[in-house]
PDB file of N, CA and C in Angstrom:
ATOM      1  N   UNK A   1     -13.742  18.427   2.763  1.00  0.00           N
ATOM      2  CA  UNK A   1     -12.931  19.200   3.672  1.00  0.00           C
ATOM      3  C   UNK A   1     -11.774  18.329   4.172  1.00  0.00           C
ATOM      4  N   UNK A   2     -10.550  18.775   4.004  1.00  0.00           N
ATOM      5  CA  UNK A   2      -9.411  17.968   4.441  1.00  0.00           C
ATOM      6  C   UNK A   2      -9.381  17.807   5.953  1.00  0.00           C
ATOM      7  N   UNK A   3      -8.911  16.670   6.399  1.00  0.00           N
ATOM      8  CA  UNK A   3      -8.719  16.410   7.813  1.00  0.00           C
ATOM      9  C   UNK A   3      -7.235  16.437   8.108  1.00  0.00           C
ATOM     10  N   UNK A   4      -6.877  16.753   9.333  1.00  0.00           N
ATOM     11  CA  UNK A   4      -5.471  16.784   9.720  1.00  0.00           C
ATOM     12  C   UNK A   4      -5.221  15.801  10.842  1.00  0.00           C
ATOM     13  N   UNK A   5      -4.071  15.191  10.818  1.00  0.00           N
ATOM     14  CA  UNK A   5      -3.628  14.331  11.894  1.00  0.00           C
ATOM     15  C   UNK A   5      -2.256  14.776  12.326  1.00  0.00           C
ATOM     16  N   UNK A   6      -1.971  14.575  13.580  1.00  0.00           N
ATOM     17  CA  UNK A   6      -0.652  14.917  14.112  1.00  0.00           C
ATOM     18  C   UNK A   6       0.114  13.630  14.336  1.00  0.00           C
ATOM     19  N   UNK A   7       1.206  13.457  13.653  1.00  0.00           N
ATOM     20  CA  UNK A   7       2.025  12.253  13.792  1.00  0.00           C
ATOM     21  C   UNK A   7       2.658  12.254  15.172  1.00  0.00           C
ATOM     22  N   UNK A   8       2.496  11.168  15.897  1.00  0.00           N
ATOM     23  CA  UNK A   8       2.920  11.093  17.295  1.00  0.00           C
ATOM     24  C   UNK A   8       4.384  11.440  17.518  1.00  0.00           C
ATOM     25  N   UNK A   9       5.268  10.895  16.719  1.00  0.00           N
ATOM     26  CA  UNK A   9       6.688  11.038  17.001  1.00  0.00           C
ATOM     27  C   UNK A   9       7.256  12.386  16.598  1.00  0.00           C
ATOM     28  N   UNK A  10       6.831  12.931  15.470  1.00  0.00           N
ATOM     29  CA  UNK A  10       7.449  14.171  14.997  1.00  0.00           C
ATOM     30  C   UNK A  10       6.501  15.368  15.017  1.00  0.00           C
ATOM     31  N   UNK A  11       5.262  15.150  15.427  1.00  0.00           N
ATOM     32  CA  UNK A  11       4.250  16.210  15.453  1.00  0.00           C
ATOM     33  C   UNK A  11       4.030  16.835  14.068  1.00  0.00           C
ATOM     34  N   UNK A  12       4.197  16.029  13.044  1.00  0.00           N
ATOM     35  CA  UNK A  12       3.986  16.476  11.676  1.00  0.00           C
ATOM     36  C   UNK A  12       2.512  16.351  11.331  1.00  0.00           C
ATOM     37  N   UNK A  13       1.913  17.398  10.812  1.00  0.00           N
ATOM     38  CA  UNK A  13       0.515  17.351  10.400  1.00  0.00           C
ATOM     39  C   UNK A  13       0.427  16.800   8.987  1.00  0.00           C
ATOM     40  N   UNK A  14      -0.535  15.927   8.763  1.00  0.00           N
ATOM     41  CA  UNK A  14      -0.785  15.356   7.446  1.00  0.00           C
ATOM     42  C   UNK A  14      -2.219  15.680   7.085  1.00  0.00           C
ATOM     43  N   UNK A  15      -2.427  16.277   5.932  1.00  0.00           N
ATOM     44  CA  UNK A  15      -3.775  16.597   5.470  1.00  0.00           C
ATOM     45  C   UNK A  15      -4.190  15.625   4.374  1.00  0.00           C
ATOM     46  N   UNK A  16      -5.459  15.226   4.396  1.00  0.00           N
ATOM     47  CA  UNK A  16      -5.998  14.405   3.321  1.00  0.00           C
ATOM     48  C   UNK A  16      -7.483  14.697   3.210  1.00  0.00           C
ATOM     49  N   UNK A  17      -8.058  14.341   2.087  1.00  0.00           N
ATOM     50  CA  UNK A  17      -9.463  14.590   1.816  1.00  0.00           C
ATOM     51  C   UNK A  17     -10.272  13.382   2.295  1.00  0.00           C
ATOM     52  N   UNK A  18     -10.897  13.477   3.473  1.00  0.00           N
ATOM     53  CA  UNK A  18     -11.560  12.325   4.087  1.00  0.00           C
ATOM     54  C   UNK A  18     -12.725  11.752   3.283  1.00  0.00           C
ATOM     55  N   UNK A  19     -13.477  12.523   2.476  1.00  0.00           N
ATOM     56  CA  UNK A  19     -14.544  11.880   1.690  1.00  0.00           C
ATOM     57  C   UNK A  19     -14.021  10.832   0.706  1.00  0.00           C
ATOM     58  N   UNK A  20     -12.754  10.920   0.334  1.00  0.00           N
ATOM     59  CA  UNK A  20     -12.172   9.955  -0.591  1.00  0.00           C
ATOM     60  C   UNK A  20     -11.676   8.692   0.097  1.00  0.00           C
ATOM     61  N   UNK A  21     -11.733   8.646   1.422  1.00  0.00           N
ATOM     62  CA  UNK A  21     -11.313   7.473   2.181  1.00  0.00           C
ATOM     63  C   UNK A  21     -12.519   6.553   2.344  1.00  0.00           C
ATOM     64  N   UNK A  22     -12.386   5.299   1.900  1.00  0.00           N
ATOM     65  CA  UNK A  22     -13.464   4.327   2.048  1.00  0.00           C
ATOM     66  C   UNK A  22     -13.415   3.667   3.421  1.00  0.00           C
ATOM     67  N   UNK A  23     -12.225   3.253   3.825  1.00  0.00           N
ATOM     68  CA  UNK A  23     -12.091   2.562   5.101  1.00  0.00           C
ATOM     69  C   UNK A  23     -10.651   2.639   5.570  1.00  0.00           C
ATOM     70  N   UNK A  24     -10.485   2.296   6.845  1.00  0.00           N
ATOM     71  CA  UNK A  24      -9.157   2.201   7.437  1.00  0.00           C
ATOM     72  C   UNK A  24      -9.024   0.803   8.013  1.00  0.00           C
ATOM     73  N   UNK A  25      -7.907   0.189   7.749  1.00  0.00           N
ATOM     74  CA  UNK A  25      -7.600  -1.111   8.322  1.00  0.00           C
ATOM     75  C   UNK A  25      -6.491  -0.885   9.338  1.00  0.00           C
ATOM     76  N   UNK A  26      -6.771  -1.188  10.579  1.00  0.00           N
ATOM     77  CA  UNK A  26      -5.838  -0.905  11.658  1.00  0.00           C
ATOM     78  C   UNK A  26      -5.056  -2.170  11.970  1.00  0.00           C
ATOM     79  N   UNK A  27      -3.756  -2.084  11.796  1.00  0.00           N
ATOM     80  CA  UNK A  27      -2.890  -3.221  12.060  1.00  0.00           C
ATOM     81  C   UNK A  27      -1.829  -2.799  13.059  1.00  0.00           C
ATOM     82  N   UNK A  28      -1.267  -3.738  13.746  1.00  0.00           N
ATOM     83  CA  UNK A  28      -0.214  -3.429  14.716  1.00  0.00           C
ATOM     84  C   UNK A  28       1.142  -3.533  14.055  1.00  0.00           C
ATOM     85  N   UNK A  29       2.079  -2.688  14.369  1.00  0.00           N
ATOM     86  CA  UNK A  29       2.000  -1.581  15.301  1.00  0.00           C
ATOM     87  C   UNK A  29       1.548  -0.280  14.664  1.00  0.00           C
ATOM     88  N   UNK A  30       1.271  -0.287  13.367  1.00  0.00           N
ATOM     89  CA  UNK A  30       0.895   0.937  12.674  1.00  0.00           C
ATOM     90  C   UNK A  30      -0.475   0.792  12.049  1.00  0.00           C
ATOM     91  N   UNK A  31      -1.020   1.901  11.593  1.00  0.00           N
ATOM     92  CA  UNK A  31      -2.327   1.916  10.959  1.00  0.00           C
ATOM     93  C   UNK A  31      -2.159   2.091   9.459  1.00  0.00           C
ATOM     94  N   UNK A  32      -2.915   1.338   8.701  1.00  0.00           N
ATOM     95  CA  UNK A  32      -2.809   1.351   7.252  1.00  0.00           C
ATOM     96  C   UNK A  32      -4.023   2.063   6.674  1.00  0.00           C
ATOM     97  N   UNK A  33      -3.798   3.158   5.992  1.00  0.00           N
ATOM     98  CA  UNK A  33      -4.867   3.931   5.373  1.00  0.00           C
ATOM     99  C   UNK A  33      -5.114   3.347   3.999  1.00  0.00           C
ATOM    100  N   UNK A  34      -6.330   2.818   3.751  1.00  0.00           N
ATOM    101  CA  UNK A  34      -6.584   2.110   2.505  1.00  0.00           C
ATOM    102  C   UNK A  34      -7.083   3.089   1.448  1.00  0.00           C
ATOM    103  N   UNK A  35      -6.178   3.785   0.836  1.00  0.00           N
ATOM    104  CA  UNK A  35      -6.458   4.615  -0.334  1.00  0.00           C
ATOM    105  C   UNK A  35      -5.163   4.798  -1.096  1.00  0.00           C
ATOM    106  N   UNK A  36      -4.372   3.774  -1.093  1.00  0.00           N
ATOM    107  CA  UNK A  36      -3.068   3.698  -1.747  1.00  0.00           C
ATOM    108  C   UNK A  36      -1.997   4.532  -1.061  1.00  0.00           C
ATOM    109  N   UNK A  37      -2.260   5.006   0.143  1.00  0.00           N
ATOM    110  CA  UNK A  37      -1.249   5.717   0.918  1.00  0.00           C
ATOM    111  C   UNK A  37      -1.026   4.975   2.224  1.00  0.00           C
ATOM    112  N   UNK A  38       0.182   4.963   2.697  1.00  0.00           N
ATOM    113  CA  UNK A  38       0.485   4.335   3.972  1.00  0.00           C
ATOM    114  C   UNK A  38       0.970   5.409   4.917  1.00  0.00           C
ATOM    115  N   UNK A  39       0.211   5.646   5.976  1.00  0.00           N
ATOM    116  CA  UNK A  39       0.553   6.639   6.981  1.00  0.00           C
ATOM    117  C   UNK A  39       0.615   5.940   8.322  1.00  0.00           C
ATOM    118  N   UNK A  40       1.407   6.454   9.250  1.00  0.00           N
ATOM    119  CA  UNK A  40       1.591   5.794  10.536  1.00  0.00           C
ATOM    120  C   UNK A  40       1.055   6.656  11.669  1.00  0.00           C
ATOM    121  N   UNK A  41      -0.015   6.194  12.295  1.00  0.00           N
ATOM    122  CA  UNK A  41      -0.653   6.868  13.418  1.00  0.00           C
ATOM    123  C   UNK A  41      -1.222   5.812  14.343  1.00  0.00           C
ATOM    124  N   UNK A  42      -1.423   6.168  15.604  1.00  0.00           N
ATOM    125  CA  UNK A  42      -2.115   5.232  16.492  1.00  0.00           C
ATOM    126  C   UNK A  42      -3.593   5.250  16.139  1.00  0.00           C
ATOM    127  N   UNK A  43      -4.258   4.123  16.300  1.00  0.00           N
ATOM    128  CA  UNK A  43      -5.671   4.033  15.933  1.00  0.00           C
ATOM    129  C   UNK A  43      -6.531   4.976  16.766  1.00  0.00           C
ATOM    130  N   UNK A  44      -6.182   5.178  18.011  1.00  0.00           N
ATOM    131  CA  UNK A  44      -6.974   6.085  18.850  1.00  0.00           C
ATOM    132  C   UNK A  44      -6.871   7.520  18.352  1.00  0.00           C
ATOM    133  N   UNK A  45      -5.718   7.910  17.837  1.00  0.00           N
ATOM    134  CA  UNK A  45      -5.558   9.255  17.268  1.00  0.00           C
ATOM    135  C   UNK A  45      -6.406   9.423  16.020  1.00  0.00           C
ATOM    136  N   UNK A  46      -6.441   8.406  15.197  1.00  0.00           N
ATOM    137  CA  UNK A  46      -7.194   8.506  13.942  1.00  0.00           C
ATOM    138  C   UNK A  46      -8.681   8.679  14.226  1.00  0.00           C
ATOM    139  N   UNK A  47      -9.266   7.801  15.017  1.00  0.00           N
ATOM    140  CA  UNK A  47     -10.713   7.848  15.246  1.00  0.00           C
ATOM    141  C   UNK A  47     -11.131   9.139  15.937  1.00  0.00           C
ATOM    142  N   UNK A  48     -10.278   9.693  16.775  1.00  0.00           N
ATOM    143  CA  UNK A  48     -10.586  10.954  17.454  1.00  0.00           C
ATOM    144  C   UNK A  48     -10.719  12.115  16.492  1.00  0.00           C
ATOM    145  N   UNK A  49      -9.990  12.074  15.394  1.00  0.00           N
ATOM    146  CA  UNK A  49      -9.931  13.216  14.493  1.00  0.00           C
ATOM    147  C   UNK A  49     -10.736  13.048  13.209  1.00  0.00           C
ATOM    148  N   UNK A  50     -11.351  11.915  13.021  1.00  0.00           N
ATOM    149  CA  UNK A  50     -12.137  11.713  11.811  1.00  0.00           C
ATOM    150  C   UNK A  50     -13.502  12.372  11.942  1.00  0.00           C
ATOM    151  N   UNK A  51     -14.079  12.799  10.823  1.00  0.00           N
ATOM    152  CA  UNK A  51     -15.429  13.370  10.856  1.00  0.00           C
ATOM    153  C   UNK A  51     -16.457  12.327  11.298  1.00  0.00           C
ATOM    154  N   UNK A  52     -17.657  12.761  11.608  1.00  0.00           N
ATOM    155  CA  UNK A  52     -18.718  11.894  12.107  1.00  0.00           C
ATOM    156  C   UNK A  52     -19.173  10.820  11.150  1.00  0.00           C
ATOM    157  N   UNK A  53     -18.788  10.904   9.882  1.00  0.00           N
ATOM    158  CA  UNK A  53     -19.166   9.882   8.904  1.00  0.00           C
ATOM    159  C   UNK A  53     -18.411   8.576   9.094  1.00  0.00           C
ATOM    160  N   UNK A  54     -17.403   8.579   9.947  1.00  0.00           N
ATOM    161  CA  UNK A  54     -16.594   7.377  10.157  1.00  0.00           C
ATOM    162  C   UNK A  54     -17.054   6.651  11.408  1.00  0.00           C
ATOM    163  N   UNK A  55     -17.126   5.322  11.302  1.00  0.00           N
ATOM    164  CA  UNK A  55     -17.572   4.479  12.412  1.00  0.00           C
ATOM    165  C   UNK A  55     -16.629   3.281  12.536  1.00  0.00           C
ATOM    166  N   UNK A  56     -16.339   2.905  13.765  1.00  0.00           N
ATOM    167  CA  UNK A  56     -15.524   1.707  13.996  1.00  0.00           C
ATOM    168  C   UNK A  56     -16.448   0.504  13.898  1.00  0.00           C
ATOM    169  N   UNK A  57     -16.060  -0.483  13.100  1.00  0.00           N
ATOM    170  CA  UNK A  57     -16.866  -1.685  12.903  1.00  0.00           C
ATOM    171  C   UNK A  57     -16.243  -2.914  13.551  1.00  0.00           C
ATOM    172  N   UNK A  58     -15.015  -2.762  13.970  1.00  0.00           N
ATOM    173  CA  UNK A  58     -14.223  -3.878  14.483  1.00  0.00           C
ATOM    174  C   UNK A  58     -12.995  -3.227  15.109  1.00  0.00           C
ATOM    175  N   UNK A  59     -12.307  -3.926  15.975  1.00  0.00           N
ATOM    176  CA  UNK A  59     -11.116  -3.283  16.536  1.00  0.00           C
ATOM    177  C   UNK A  59     -10.080  -2.994  15.463  1.00  0.00           C
ATOM    178  N   UNK A  60     -10.213  -3.642  14.304  1.00  0.00           N
ATOM    179  CA  UNK A  60      -9.262  -3.447  13.216  1.00  0.00           C
ATOM    180  C   UNK A  60      -9.794  -2.633  12.036  1.00  0.00           C
ATOM    181  N   UNK A  61     -11.051  -2.175  12.096  1.00  0.00           N
ATOM    182  CA  UNK A  61     -11.611  -1.484  10.938  1.00  0.00           C
ATOM    183  C   UNK A  61     -12.401  -0.236  11.325  1.00  0.00           C
ATOM    184  N   UNK A  62     -12.249   0.779  10.500  1.00  0.00           N
ATOM    185  CA  UNK A  62     -13.045   2.004  10.561  1.00  0.00           C
ATOM    186  C   UNK A  62     -13.586   2.221   9.159  1.00  0.00           C
ATOM    187  N   UNK A  63     -14.869   2.552   9.044  1.00  0.00           N
ATOM    188  CA  UNK A  63     -15.518   2.687   7.742  1.00  0.00           C
ATOM    189  C   UNK A  63     -16.110   4.085   7.593  1.00  0.00           C
ATOM    190  N   UNK A  64     -16.017   4.625   6.385  1.00  0.00           N
ATOM    191  CA  UNK A  64     -16.665   5.880   6.033  1.00  0.00           C
ATOM    192  C   UNK A  64     -18.092   5.538   5.611  1.00  0.00           C
ATOM    193  N   UNK A  65     -19.089   5.984   6.378  1.00  0.00           N
ATOM    194  CA  UNK A  65     -20.476   5.618   6.115  1.00  0.00           C
ATOM    195  C   UNK A  65     -20.995   6.145   4.781  1.00  0.00           C
ATOM    196  N   UNK A  66     -20.367   7.159   4.214  1.00  0.00           N
ATOM    197  CA  UNK A  66     -20.810   7.666   2.909  1.00  0.00           C
ATOM    198  C   UNK A  66     -20.594   6.641   1.805  1.00  0.00           C
ATOM    199  N   UNK A  67     -19.762   5.640   2.058  1.00  0.00           N
ATOM    200  CA  UNK A  67     -19.459   4.641   1.037  1.00  0.00           C
ATOM    201  C   UNK A  67     -20.109   3.282   1.318  1.00  0.00           C
ATOM    202  N   UNK A  68     -20.987   3.200   2.317  1.00  0.00           N
ATOM    203  CA  UNK A  68     -21.645   1.921   2.618  1.00  0.00           C
ATOM    204  C   UNK A  68     -22.704   1.633   1.562  1.00  0.00           C
ATOM    205  N   UNK A  69     -22.613   0.440   0.991  1.00  0.00           N
ATOM    206  CA  UNK A  69     -23.589  -0.023   0.000  1.00  0.00           C
ATOM    207  C   UNK A  69     -24.603  -0.965   0.635  1.00  0.00           C
ATOM    208  N   UNK A  70     -24.126  -1.856   1.524  1.00  0.00           N
ATOM    209  CA  UNK A  70     -25.002  -2.850   2.136  1.00  0.00           C
ATOM    210  C   UNK A  70     -24.425  -3.266   3.481  1.00  0.00           C
ATOM    211  N   UNK A  71     -25.335  -3.512   4.447  1.00  0.00           N
ATOM    212  CA  UNK A  71     -24.938  -4.033   5.759  1.00  0.00           C
ATOM    213  C   UNK A  71     -25.648  -5.354   5.981  1.00  0.00           C
ATOM    214  N   UNK A  72     -24.877  -6.373   6.375  1.00  0.00           N
ATOM    215  CA  UNK A  72     -25.462  -7.652   6.769  1.00  0.00           C
ATOM    216  C   UNK A  72     -25.230  -7.821   8.262  1.00  0.00           C
ATOM    217  N   UNK A  73     -25.530  -8.982   8.769  1.00  0.00           N
ATOM    218  CA  UNK A  73     -25.356  -9.208  10.208  1.00  0.00           C
ATOM    219  C   UNK A  73     -23.894  -9.264  10.631  1.00  0.00           C
ATOM    220  N   UNK A  74     -22.991  -9.450   9.688  1.00  0.00           N
ATOM    221  CA  UNK A  74     -21.578  -9.560  10.070  1.00  0.00           C
ATOM    222  C   UNK A  74     -20.613  -8.779   9.178  1.00  0.00           C
ATOM    223  N   UNK A  75     -21.120  -8.154   8.120  1.00  0.00           N
ATOM    224  CA  UNK A  75     -20.229  -7.428   7.208  1.00  0.00           C
ATOM    225  C   UNK A  75     -20.863  -6.142   6.692  1.00  0.00           C
ATOM    226  N   UNK A  76     -20.002  -5.291   6.172  1.00  0.00           N
ATOM    227  CA  UNK A  76     -20.415  -4.096   5.439  1.00  0.00           C
ATOM    228  C   UNK A  76     -19.792  -4.201   4.060  1.00  0.00           C
ATOM    229  N   UNK A  77     -20.594  -4.010   3.034  1.00  0.00           N
ATOM    230  CA  UNK A  77     -20.064  -3.950   1.682  1.00  0.00           C
ATOM    231  C   UNK A  77     -20.010  -2.484   1.278  1.00  0.00           C
ATOM    232  N   UNK A  78     -18.848  -2.054   0.836  1.00  0.00           N
ATOM    233  CA  UNK A  78     -18.662  -0.668   0.424  1.00  0.00           C
ATOM    234  C   UNK A  78     -18.926  -0.515  -1.069  1.00  0.00           C
ATOM    235  N   UNK A  79     -19.103   0.719  -1.496  1.00  0.00           N
ATOM    236  CA  UNK A  79     -19.408   0.986  -2.901  1.00  0.00           C
ATOM    237  C   UNK A  79     -18.274   0.580  -3.839  1.00  0.00           C
ATOM    238  N   UNK A  80     -17.072   0.377  -3.312  1.00  0.00           N
ATOM    239  CA  UNK A  80     -15.956  -0.103  -4.132  1.00  0.00           C
ATOM    240  C   UNK A  80     -15.840  -1.632  -4.082  1.00  0.00           C
ATOM    241  N   UNK A  81     -16.885  -2.312  -3.541  1.00  0.00           N
ATOM    242  CA  UNK A  81     -17.007  -3.768  -3.434  1.00  0.00           C
ATOM    243  C   UNK A  81     -16.093  -4.394  -2.381  1.00  0.00           C
ATOM    244  N   UNK A  82     -15.470  -3.588  -1.553  1.00  0.00           N
ATOM    245  CA  UNK A  82     -14.674  -4.102  -0.446  1.00  0.00           C
ATOM    246  C   UNK A  82     -15.625  -4.532   0.667  1.00  0.00           C
ATOM    247  N   UNK A  83     -15.389  -5.692   1.249  1.00  0.00           N
ATOM    248  CA  UNK A  83     -16.213  -6.193   2.353  1.00  0.00           C
ATOM    249  C   UNK A  83     -15.427  -6.060   3.645  1.00  0.00           C
ATOM    250  N   UNK A  84     -16.057  -5.429   4.643  1.00  0.00           N
ATOM    251  CA  UNK A  84     -15.442  -5.162   5.942  1.00  0.00           C
ATOM    252  C   UNK A  84     -16.223  -5.917   7.014  1.00  0.00           C
ATOM    253  N   UNK A  85     -15.518  -6.540   7.939  1.00  0.00           N
ATOM    254  CA  UNK A  85     -16.148  -7.275   9.035  1.00  0.00           C
ATOM    255  C   UNK A  85     -16.766  -6.327  10.066  1.00  0.00           C
ATOM    256  N   UNK A  86     -17.885  -6.749  10.631  1.00  0.00           N
ATOM    257  CA  UNK A  86     -18.483  -6.064  11.778  1.00  0.00           C
ATOM    258  C   UNK A  86     -18.364  -7.025  12.966  1.00  0.00           C
ATOM    259  N   UNK A  87     -17.680  -6.611  14.000  1.00  0.00           N
ATOM    260  CA  UNK A  87     -17.594  -7.430  15.205  1.00  0.00           C
ATOM    261  C   UNK A  87     -18.944  -7.417  15.915  1.00  0.00           C
ATOM    262  N   UNK A  88     -19.291  -8.520  16.534  1.00  0.00           N
ATOM    263  CA  UNK A  88     -20.576  -8.587  17.258  1.00  0.00           C
ATOM    264  C   UNK A  88     -20.718  -7.456  18.267  1.00  0.00           C
ATOM    265  N   UNK A  89     -19.622  -7.116  18.918  1.00  0.00           N
ATOM    266  CA  UNK A  89     -19.670  -6.068  19.944  1.00  0.00           C
ATOM    267  C   UNK A  89     -19.891  -4.667  19.350  1.00  0.00           C
ATOM    268  N   UNK A  90     -19.656  -4.489  18.059  1.00  0.00           N
ATOM    269  CA  UNK A  90     -19.838  -3.185  17.409  1.00  0.00           C
ATOM    270  C   UNK A  90     -21.122  -3.117  16.584  1.00  0.00           C
ATOM    271  N   UNK A  91     -21.793  -4.254  16.366  1.00  0.00           N
ATOM    272  CA  UNK A  91     -22.929  -4.301  15.447  1.00  0.00           C
ATOM    273  C   UNK A  91     -24.024  -3.291  15.802  1.00  0.00           C
ATOM    274  N   UNK A  92     -24.442  -3.254  17.053  1.00  0.00           N
ATOM    275  CA  UNK A  92     -25.514  -2.349  17.461  1.00  0.00           C
ATOM    276  C   UNK A  92     -25.116  -0.885  17.238  1.00  0.00           C
ATOM    277  N   UNK A  93     -23.879  -0.540  17.576  1.00  0.00           N
ATOM    278  CA  UNK A  93     -23.392   0.824  17.371  1.00  0.00           C
ATOM    279  C   UNK A  93     -23.349   1.177  15.885  1.00  0.00           C
ATOM    280  N   UNK A  94     -22.936   0.224  15.054  1.00  0.00           N
ATOM    281  CA  UNK A  94     -22.879   0.458  13.608  1.00  0.00           C
ATOM    282  C   UNK A  94     -24.274   0.712  13.056  1.00  0.00           C
ATOM    283  N   UNK A  95     -25.225  -0.133  13.418  1.00  0.00           N
ATOM    284  CA  UNK A  95     -26.604   0.028  12.925  1.00  0.00           C
ATOM    285  C   UNK A  95     -27.189   1.356  13.384  1.00  0.00           C
ATOM    286  N   UNK A  96     -27.018   1.693  14.658  1.00  0.00           N
ATOM    287  CA  UNK A  96     -27.543   2.962  15.175  1.00  0.00           C
ATOM    288  C   UNK A  96     -26.895   4.170  14.503  1.00  0.00           C
ATOM    289  N   UNK A  97     -25.575   4.125  14.329  1.00  0.00           N
ATOM    290  CA  UNK A  97     -24.868   5.241  13.691  1.00  0.00           C
ATOM    291  C   UNK A  97     -25.285   5.386  12.235  1.00  0.00           C
ATOM    292  N   UNK A  98     -25.443   4.265  11.531  1.00  0.00           N
ATOM    293  CA  UNK A  98     -25.833   4.345  10.125  1.00  0.00           C
ATOM    294  C   UNK A  98     -27.278   4.831   9.990  1.00  0.00           C
ATOM    295  N   UNK A  99     -28.161   4.397  10.881  1.00  0.00           N
ATOM    296  CA  UNK A  99     -29.545   4.884  10.853  1.00  0.00           C
ATOM    297  C   UNK A  99     -29.585   6.391  11.087  1.00  0.00           C
ATOM    298  N   UNK A 100     -28.819   6.857  12.050  1.00  0.00           N
ATOM    299  CA  UNK A 100     -28.741   8.296  12.329  1.00  0.00           C
ATOM    300  C   UNK A 100     -28.142   9.038  11.129  1.00  0.00           C
ATOM    301  N   UNK A 101     -27.112   8.475  10.545  1.00  0.00           N
ATOM    302  CA  UNK A 101     -26.463   9.094   9.387  1.00  0.00           C
ATOM    303  C   UNK A 101     -27.438   9.202   8.207  1.00  0.00           C
ATOM    304  N   UNK A 102     -28.188   8.132   7.925  1.00  0.00           N
ATOM    305  CA  UNK A 102     -29.093   8.149   6.768  1.00  0.00           C
ATOM    306  C   UNK A 102     -30.322   9.026   7.002  1.00  0.00           C
ATOM    307  N   UNK A 103     -30.705   9.253   8.251  1.00  0.00           N
ATOM    308  CA  UNK A 103     -31.831  10.160   8.543  1.00  0.00           C
ATOM    309  C   UNK A 103     -31.568  11.570   8.036  1.00  0.00           C
ATOM    310  N   UNK A 104     -30.312  11.943   7.933  1.00  0.00           N
ATOM    311  CA  UNK A 104     -29.982  13.284   7.443  1.00  0.00           C
ATOM    312  C   UNK A 104     -30.480  13.491   6.023  1.00  0.00           C
ATOM    313  N   UNK A 105     -30.686  12.411   5.281  1.00  0.00           N
ATOM    314  CA  UNK A 105     -31.067  12.499   3.872  1.00  0.00           C
ATOM    315  C   UNK A 105     -32.549  12.256   3.655  1.00  0.00           C
ATOM    316  N   UNK A 106     -33.302  11.992   4.723  1.00  0.00           N
ATOM    317  CA  UNK A 106     -34.725  11.695   4.614  1.00  0.00           C
ATOM    318  C   UNK A 106     -35.503  13.000   4.515  1.00  0.00           C
ATOM    319  N   UNK A 107     -36.037  13.323   3.348  1.00  0.00           N
ATOM    320  CA  UNK A 107     -36.731  14.595   3.153  1.00  0.00           C
ATOM    321  C   UNK A 107     -38.191  14.532   3.628  1.00  0.00           C
ATOM    322  N   UNK A 108     -38.716  13.336   3.924  1.00  0.00           N
ATOM    323  CA  UNK A 108     -40.086  13.231   4.397  1.00  0.00           C
ATOM    324  C   UNK A 108     -40.210  13.427   5.894  1.00  0.00           C
ATOM    325  N   UNK A 109     -39.103  13.349   6.605  1.00  0.00           N
ATOM    326  CA  UNK A 109     -39.141  13.461   8.055  1.00  0.00           C
ATOM    327  C   UNK A 109     -39.417  12.152   8.745  1.00  0.00           C
ATOM    328  N   UNK A 110     -39.603  11.080   7.975  1.00  0.00           N
ATOM    329  CA  UNK A 110     -39.866   9.755   8.538  1.00  0.00           C
ATOM    330  C   UNK A 110     -38.701   8.843   8.197  1.00  0.00           C
ATOM    331  N   UNK A 111     -38.532   7.832   9.024  1.00  0.00           N
ATOM    332  CA  UNK A 111     -37.487   6.856   8.739  1.00  0.00           C
ATOM    333  C   UNK A 111     -37.999   5.479   8.962  1.00  0.00           C
TER     334      UNK A 111
END
């Protein structure tokens, strides 16, 4: 399902297919969408409008949990082999969000 964002300066809506987004790298003063497209939005606008599969792992990174391959104590490895940092302050939230996300696929009812 495509997601829409409203560009701050011109109020232009941009649609993209969020399942195809692996991660977002947030840099100042603009945000860099890592899927070979460069779009300019504030990071707070992006995270507000992303589906629940996206989690902030660092003040500079947002990850699509559907593409997580492995989580360590300080990084996330994505299915495309990209490694994303997890800030200590976000680690607990990342683990809890990923556990909740993966429970959706547990057909036994146990986790």
